[in-house]
């Protein structure tokens, strides 16, 4: 699965790790992350992420 990076702060969403602190289980592709999910570092929306 592909990693996505926040264009505002550089946080990398890795599908293998997910974001358990925000209820995104490991193994969740970026496309399947809820639309209301935000970057855990800076609060940017999914629209501010791009393919790494």
N, C-alpha and C. Protein backbone atom coordinates (compact mmCIF):
# COMPACT_ATOMS: atom_id res chain seq x y z
N UNK A 1 0.84 -1.19 0.00
CA UNK A 1 0.00 0.00 0.00
C UNK A 1 0.88 1.25 0.00
N UNK A 2 0.32 2.30 -0.57
CA UNK A 2 1.10 3.52 -0.76
C UNK A 2 1.02 4.44 0.46
N UNK A 3 2.13 5.13 0.72
CA UNK A 3 2.20 6.10 1.81
C UNK A 3 1.82 7.48 1.27
N UNK A 4 1.22 8.28 2.13
CA UNK A 4 0.85 9.66 1.78
C UNK A 4 1.48 10.60 2.78
N UNK A 5 1.91 11.78 2.29
CA UNK A 5 2.58 12.75 3.14
C UNK A 5 1.76 14.04 3.22
N UNK A 6 1.70 14.61 4.42
CA UNK A 6 1.02 15.89 4.63
C UNK A 6 1.87 16.99 4.02
N UNK A 7 1.27 17.77 3.12
CA UNK A 7 2.03 18.83 2.45
C UNK A 7 2.28 20.02 3.38
N UNK A 8 1.60 20.06 4.51
CA UNK A 8 1.78 21.18 5.44
C UNK A 8 2.86 20.93 6.48
N UNK A 9 2.93 19.69 7.02
CA UNK A 9 3.89 19.46 8.10
C UNK A 9 4.86 18.30 7.85
N UNK A 10 4.60 17.49 6.82
CA UNK A 10 5.51 16.40 6.51
C UNK A 10 5.17 15.07 7.15
N UNK A 11 4.08 14.99 7.93
CA UNK A 11 3.65 13.72 8.53
C UNK A 11 3.38 12.71 7.42
N UNK A 12 3.86 11.49 7.62
CA UNK A 12 3.64 10.43 6.63
C UNK A 12 2.61 9.45 7.17
N UNK A 13 1.52 9.28 6.40
CA UNK A 13 0.53 8.26 6.74
C UNK A 13 1.00 6.96 6.11
N UNK A 14 1.30 5.99 6.95
CA UNK A 14 1.75 4.67 6.51
C UNK A 14 0.61 3.68 6.76
N UNK A 15 0.01 3.13 5.69
CA UNK A 15 -1.11 2.20 5.87
C UNK A 15 -0.78 1.00 6.74
N UNK A 16 0.47 0.57 6.76
CA UNK A 16 0.86 -0.58 7.58
C UNK A 16 0.71 -0.25 9.07
N UNK A 17 0.85 1.03 9.43
CA UNK A 17 0.74 1.46 10.82
C UNK A 17 -0.63 2.03 11.14
N UNK A 18 -1.30 2.61 10.14
CA UNK A 18 -2.58 3.28 10.38
C UNK A 18 -2.39 4.46 11.32
N UNK A 19 -3.43 4.80 12.05
CA UNK A 19 -3.38 5.87 13.06
C UNK A 19 -4.27 5.43 14.22
N UNK A 20 -3.79 4.42 14.98
CA UNK A 20 -4.61 3.84 16.05
C UNK A 20 -5.12 4.85 17.07
N UNK A 21 -4.36 5.91 17.32
CA UNK A 21 -4.78 6.92 18.29
C UNK A 21 -6.05 7.63 17.83
N UNK A 22 -6.31 7.59 16.52
CA UNK A 22 -7.49 8.25 15.95
C UNK A 22 -8.42 7.25 15.26
N UNK A 23 -8.42 6.03 15.77
CA UNK A 23 -9.34 4.98 15.33
C UNK A 23 -9.18 4.55 13.88
N UNK A 24 -7.94 4.63 13.35
CA UNK A 24 -7.66 4.09 12.01
C UNK A 24 -6.75 2.88 12.21
N UNK A 25 -7.31 1.71 11.96
CA UNK A 25 -6.60 0.46 12.22
C UNK A 25 -5.42 0.26 11.27
N UNK A 26 -4.34 -0.40 11.73
CA UNK A 26 -3.26 -0.78 10.83
C UNK A 26 -3.83 -1.59 9.66
N UNK A 27 -3.29 -1.37 8.48
CA UNK A 27 -3.76 -2.06 7.29
C UNK A 27 -4.82 -1.29 6.52
N UNK A 28 -5.15 -0.08 6.99
CA UNK A 28 -6.17 0.75 6.32
C UNK A 28 -5.51 1.60 5.25
N UNK A 29 -5.91 1.41 3.98
CA UNK A 29 -5.36 2.22 2.90
C UNK A 29 -5.81 3.67 3.08
N UNK A 30 -5.05 4.60 2.52
CA UNK A 30 -5.39 6.02 2.67
C UNK A 30 -6.78 6.31 2.11
N UNK A 31 -7.13 5.64 1.02
CA UNK A 31 -8.44 5.84 0.40
C UNK A 31 -9.58 5.44 1.35
N UNK A 32 -9.30 4.49 2.25
CA UNK A 32 -10.33 4.00 3.18
C UNK A 32 -10.34 4.73 4.52
N UNK A 33 -9.42 5.67 4.71
CA UNK A 33 -9.43 6.49 5.92
C UNK A 33 -10.66 7.38 5.87
N UNK A 34 -11.39 7.54 6.99
CA UNK A 34 -12.60 8.38 6.97
C UNK A 34 -12.32 9.80 6.45
N UNK A 35 -13.30 10.35 5.74
CA UNK A 35 -13.14 11.69 5.15
C UNK A 35 -12.93 12.77 6.20
N UNK A 36 -13.41 12.55 7.43
CA UNK A 36 -13.27 13.57 8.47
C UNK A 36 -11.98 13.41 9.28
N UNK A 37 -11.14 12.43 8.89
CA UNK A 37 -9.84 12.24 9.56
C UNK A 37 -8.95 13.44 9.25
N UNK A 38 -8.12 13.82 10.21
CA UNK A 38 -7.17 14.92 10.01
C UNK A 38 -5.77 14.48 10.43
N UNK A 39 -4.78 15.16 9.92
CA UNK A 39 -3.39 14.89 10.26
C UNK A 39 -3.23 14.97 11.78
N UNK A 40 -2.65 13.93 12.39
CA UNK A 40 -2.50 13.94 13.86
C UNK A 40 -1.47 14.96 14.36
N UNK A 41 -0.66 15.51 13.47
CA UNK A 41 0.34 16.50 13.91
C UNK A 41 -0.15 17.93 13.76
N UNK A 42 -0.79 18.24 12.61
CA UNK A 42 -1.13 19.64 12.37
C UNK A 42 -2.62 19.88 12.12
N UNK A 43 -3.42 18.83 12.01
CA UNK A 43 -4.85 19.00 11.83
C UNK A 43 -5.30 19.22 10.39
N UNK A 44 -4.39 19.05 9.43
CA UNK A 44 -4.75 19.23 8.02
C UNK A 44 -5.70 18.11 7.57
N UNK A 45 -6.58 18.43 6.63
CA UNK A 45 -7.52 17.44 6.10
C UNK A 45 -6.87 16.53 5.07
N UNK A 46 -7.60 15.49 4.68
CA UNK A 46 -7.07 14.54 3.70
C UNK A 46 -6.68 15.20 2.40
N UNK A 47 -7.35 16.31 2.06
CA UNK A 47 -7.05 17.01 0.81
C UNK A 47 -5.65 17.63 0.80
N UNK A 48 -5.03 17.73 1.98
CA UNK A 48 -3.68 18.29 2.07
C UNK A 48 -2.59 17.22 2.04
N UNK A 49 -2.95 15.99 1.70
CA UNK A 49 -1.99 14.90 1.59
C UNK A 49 -1.75 14.57 0.13
N UNK A 50 -0.52 14.15 -0.17
CA UNK A 50 -0.22 13.69 -1.52
C UNK A 50 0.61 12.41 -1.44
N UNK A 51 0.59 11.67 -2.53
CA UNK A 51 1.32 10.42 -2.62
C UNK A 51 2.80 10.68 -2.38
N UNK A 52 3.41 9.88 -1.52
CA UNK A 52 4.83 10.07 -1.20
C UNK A 52 5.69 9.60 -2.35
